[in-house]
Amino acid sequence: MHGNKTIGLSHLRITLSESFYIGPGRADLMELIAETGSISEAARRMGMSYKRAWGLVQVLNEGFGAPLVEASRGGNAQGASLTAAGREVLERYRGMQEATRKAIARDVEALSALHGDMSERK
């Protein structure tokens, strides 16, 4: 679902407090960390610097009030993973995205048809 550019819902941001929100970019980063076991690999796949990705991980962890991403360094234990809370946040966010897509599908379809009609008239 990374970089979904299809017609319809393109950006859903869920704000829980002044210090925490999750949106598509943060969710994609968390998903890629879960898939790759690496903050640097997740960052590379998203086209962002490691420093930016690490900063987002820190913001996610501090803003939520409990770690969502665990990183370990040194020896064979290098890598990163989502905590149980991180997995739940990601799963619930993806569920909200899907529920929103379904809820707005008919209206998106109607607007898309109207847009197509208007652009053909130009």
C-alpha atoms as a PDB file:
ATOM      1  CA  MET A   1       0.000   0.000   0.000  1.00  0.00           C
ATOM      2  CA  HIS A   2       3.061   2.245  -0.062  1.00  0.00           C
ATOM      3  CA  GLY A   3       2.551   5.419  -2.073  1.00  0.00           C
ATOM      4  CA  ASN A   4      -1.010   4.596  -3.109  1.00  0.00           C
ATOM      5  CA  LYS A   5      -1.851   7.121  -5.859  1.00  0.00           C
ATOM      6  CA  THR A   6      -5.226   5.728  -6.881  1.00  0.00           C
ATOM      7  CA  ILE A   7      -8.329   7.884  -7.124  1.00  0.00           C
ATOM      8  CA  GLY A   8     -10.077   8.266  -3.796  1.00  0.00           C
ATOM      9  CA  LEU A   9      -8.689   8.642  -0.309  1.00  0.00           C
ATOM     10  CA  SER A  10      -5.145   9.937  -0.498  1.00  0.00           C
ATOM     11  CA  HIS A  11      -4.442  11.245   2.987  1.00  0.00           C
ATOM     12  CA  LEU A  12      -5.970  10.313   6.324  1.00  0.00           C
ATOM     13  CA  ARG A  13      -4.421  11.807   9.449  1.00  0.00           C
ATOM     14  CA  ILE A  14      -5.600  10.629  12.852  1.00  0.00           C
ATOM     15  CA  THR A  15      -4.744  13.028  15.683  1.00  0.00           C
ATOM     16  CA  LEU A  16      -4.877  11.668  19.219  1.00  0.00           C
ATOM     17  CA  SER A  17      -3.258  14.554  21.081  1.00  0.00           C
ATOM     18  CA  GLU A  18      -1.178  17.689  20.549  1.00  0.00           C
ATOM     19  CA  SER A  19       1.894  15.473  20.512  1.00  0.00           C
ATOM     20  CA  PHE A  20       0.699  12.512  18.442  1.00  0.00           C
ATOM     21  CA  TYR A  21      -0.798  11.855  15.052  1.00  0.00           C
ATOM     22  CA  ILE A  22      -0.452   9.125  12.494  1.00  0.00           C
ATOM     23  CA  GLY A  23      -0.844   9.633   8.780  1.00  0.00           C
ATOM     24  CA  PRO A  24       0.088   7.741   5.627  1.00  0.00           C
ATOM     25  CA  GLY A  25       3.809   8.563   5.688  1.00  0.00           C
ATOM     26  CA  ARG A  26       4.319   7.519   9.289  1.00  0.00           C
ATOM     27  CA  ALA A  27       2.209   4.386   8.735  1.00  0.00           C
ATOM     28  CA  ASP A  28       4.239   3.497   5.620  1.00  0.00           C
ATOM     29  CA  LEU A  29       7.483   3.946   7.583  1.00  0.00           C
ATOM     30  CA  MET A  30       6.208   1.712  10.393  1.00  0.00           C
ATOM     31  CA  GLU A  31       5.044  -0.909   7.883  1.00  0.00           C
ATOM     32  CA  LEU A  32       8.402  -0.937   6.122  1.00  0.00           C
ATOM     33  CA  ILE A  33      10.268  -1.213   9.431  1.00  0.00           C
ATOM     34  CA  ALA A  34       8.086  -4.215  10.273  1.00  0.00           C
ATOM     35  CA  GLU A  35       8.737  -5.765   6.835  1.00  0.00           C
ATOM     36  CA  THR A  36      12.477  -5.112   6.648  1.00  0.00           C
ATOM     37  CA  GLY A  37      13.539  -5.147  10.301  1.00  0.00           C
ATOM     38  CA  SER A  38      15.575  -2.022   9.557  1.00  0.00           C
ATOM     39  CA  ILE A  39      15.036   1.714   9.922  1.00  0.00           C
ATOM     40  CA  SER A  40      17.739   2.449   7.333  1.00  0.00           C
ATOM     41  CA  GLU A  41      16.233   0.033   4.777  1.00  0.00           C
ATOM     42  CA  ALA A  42      12.740   1.429   5.403  1.00  0.00           C
ATOM     43  CA  ALA A  43      14.120   4.941   4.900  1.00  0.00           C
ATOM     44  CA  ARG A  44      15.910   3.925   1.682  1.00  0.00           C
ATOM     45  CA  ARG A  45      12.723   2.398   0.254  1.00  0.00           C
ATOM     46  CA  MET A  46      10.811   5.585   1.069  1.00  0.00           C
ATOM     47  CA  GLY A  47      13.485   7.812  -0.445  1.00  0.00           C
ATOM     48  CA  MET A  48      14.262   9.580   2.816  1.00  0.00           C
ATOM     49  CA  SER A  49      17.432   9.939   4.829  1.00  0.00           C
ATOM     50  CA  TYR A  50      18.149   7.683   7.782  1.00  0.00           C
ATOM     51  CA  LYS A  51      18.304  10.806   9.961  1.00  0.00           C
ATOM     52  CA  ARG A  52      14.762  11.807   8.921  1.00  0.00           C
ATOM     53  CA  ALA A  53      13.427   8.275   9.490  1.00  0.00           C
ATOM     54  CA  TRP A  54      15.113   8.021  12.897  1.00  0.00           C
ATOM     55  CA  GLY A  55      13.639  11.413  13.817  1.00  0.00           C
ATOM     56  CA  LEU A  56      10.154  10.190  12.854  1.00  0.00           C
ATOM     57  CA  VAL A  57      10.623   7.038  14.945  1.00  0.00           C
ATOM     58  CA  GLN A  58      11.568   9.200  17.931  1.00  0.00           C
ATOM     59  CA  VAL A  59       8.542  11.462  17.373  1.00  0.00           C
ATOM     60  CA  LEU A  60       6.240   8.428  17.102  1.00  0.00           C
ATOM     61  CA  ASN A  61       7.625   6.831  20.262  1.00  0.00           C
ATOM     62  CA  GLU A  62       7.647  10.005  22.363  1.00  0.00           C
ATOM     63  CA  GLY A  63       4.366  11.370  21.047  1.00  0.00           C
ATOM     64  CA  PHE A  64       2.410   8.172  21.656  1.00  0.00           C
ATOM     65  CA  GLY A  65       3.705   7.872  25.202  1.00  0.00           C
ATOM     66  CA  ALA A  66       4.928   4.293  24.730  1.00  0.00           C
ATOM     67  CA  PRO A  67       7.416   2.868  22.244  1.00  0.00           C
ATOM     68  CA  LEU A  68       5.913   1.909  18.879  1.00  0.00           C
ATOM     69  CA  VAL A  69       9.269   1.013  17.307  1.00  0.00           C
ATOM     70  CA  GLU A  70      12.142  -0.744  19.078  1.00  0.00           C
ATOM     71  CA  ALA A  71      15.645  -0.398  17.705  1.00  0.00           C
ATOM     72  CA  SER A  72      18.619  -2.424  18.828  1.00  0.00           C
ATOM     73  CA  ARG A  73      22.234  -1.867  17.923  1.00  0.00           C
ATOM     74  CA  GLY A  74      25.385  -3.860  18.148  1.00  0.00           C
ATOM     75  CA  GLY A  75      26.352  -7.453  17.531  1.00  0.00           C
ATOM     76  CA  ASN A  76      23.872  -9.762  15.868  1.00  0.00           C
ATOM     77  CA  ALA A  77      20.901  -7.991  17.449  1.00  0.00           C
ATOM     78  CA  GLN A  78      20.991  -5.000  15.099  1.00  0.00           C
ATOM     79  CA  GLY A  79      17.689  -3.982  13.636  1.00  0.00           C
ATOM     80  CA  ALA A  80      14.286  -2.575  14.406  1.00  0.00           C
ATOM     81  CA  SER A  81      10.781  -3.888  14.892  1.00  0.00           C
ATOM     82  CA  LEU A  82       7.347  -2.727  15.950  1.00  0.00           C
ATOM     83  CA  THR A  83       6.288  -3.240  19.529  1.00  0.00           C
ATOM     84  CA  ALA A  84       2.892  -4.779  20.289  1.00  0.00           C
ATOM     85  CA  ALA A  85       1.529  -1.224  20.608  1.00  0.00           C
ATOM     86  CA  GLY A  86       3.145  -0.286  17.297  1.00  0.00           C
ATOM     87  CA  ARG A  87       1.555  -3.258  15.542  1.00  0.00           C
ATOM     88  CA  GLU A  88      -1.850  -2.330  16.960  1.00  0.00           C
ATOM     89  CA  VAL A  89      -1.525   1.350  16.004  1.00  0.00           C
ATOM     90  CA  LEU A  90      -0.554   0.366  12.442  1.00  0.00           C
ATOM     91  CA  GLU A  91      -3.299  -2.255  12.145  1.00  0.00           C
ATOM     92  CA  ARG A  92      -5.986   0.095  13.440  1.00  0.00           C
ATOM     93  CA  TYR A  93      -4.786   2.949  11.216  1.00  0.00           C
ATOM     94  CA  ARG A  94      -4.868   0.704   8.121  1.00  0.00           C
ATOM     95  CA  GLY A  95      -8.358  -0.414   9.168  1.00  0.00           C
ATOM     96  CA  MET A  96      -9.494   3.212   9.433  1.00  0.00           C
ATOM     97  CA  GLN A  97      -8.088   3.915   5.973  1.00  0.00           C
ATOM     98  CA  GLU A  98     -10.014   0.990   4.504  1.00  0.00           C
ATOM     99  CA  ALA A  99     -13.245   1.882   6.349  1.00  0.00           C
ATOM    100  CA  THR A 100     -12.944   5.469   5.109  1.00  0.00           C
ATOM    101  CA  ARG A 101     -12.341   4.324   1.513  1.00  0.00           C
ATOM    102  CA  LYS A 102     -15.470   2.175   1.667  1.00  0.00           C
ATOM    103  CA  ALA A 103     -17.546   4.921   3.294  1.00  0.00           C
ATOM    104  CA  ILE A 104     -16.664   7.494   0.632  1.00  0.00           C
ATOM    105  CA  ALA A 105     -16.480   5.206  -2.430  1.00  0.00           C
ATOM    106  CA  ARG A 106     -19.880   6.160  -3.886  1.00  0.00           C
ATOM    107  CA  ASP A 107     -19.229   9.891  -3.519  1.00  0.00           C
ATOM    108  CA  VAL A 108     -15.709   9.569  -4.944  1.00  0.00           C
ATOM    109  CA  GLU A 109     -17.123   7.698  -7.931  1.00  0.00           C
ATOM    110  CA  ALA A 110     -19.746  10.433  -8.494  1.00  0.00           C
ATOM    111  CA  LEU A 111     -17.159  13.219  -8.218  1.00  0.00           C
ATOM    112  CA  SER A 112     -14.785  11.335 -10.500  1.00  0.00           C
ATOM    113  CA  ALA A 113     -17.510  11.000 -13.148  1.00  0.00           C
ATOM    114  CA  LEU A 114     -18.356  14.700 -12.814  1.00  0.00           C
ATOM    115  CA  HIS A 115     -14.659  15.591 -13.068  1.00  0.00           C
ATOM    116  CA  GLY A 116     -14.339  13.453 -16.201  1.00  0.00           C
ATOM    117  CA  ASP A 117     -17.364  15.185 -17.748  1.00  0.00           C
ATOM    118  CA  MET A 118     -15.927  18.622 -16.953  1.00  0.00           C
ATOM    119  CA  SER A 119     -12.413  17.846 -18.232  1.00  0.00           C
ATOM    120  CA  GLU A 120     -13.862  16.527 -21.531  1.00  0.00           C
ATOM    121  CA  ARG A 121     -15.568  19.883 -22.101  1.00  0.00           C
ATOM    122  CA  LYS A 122     -12.297  21.843 -22.035  1.00  0.00           C
END
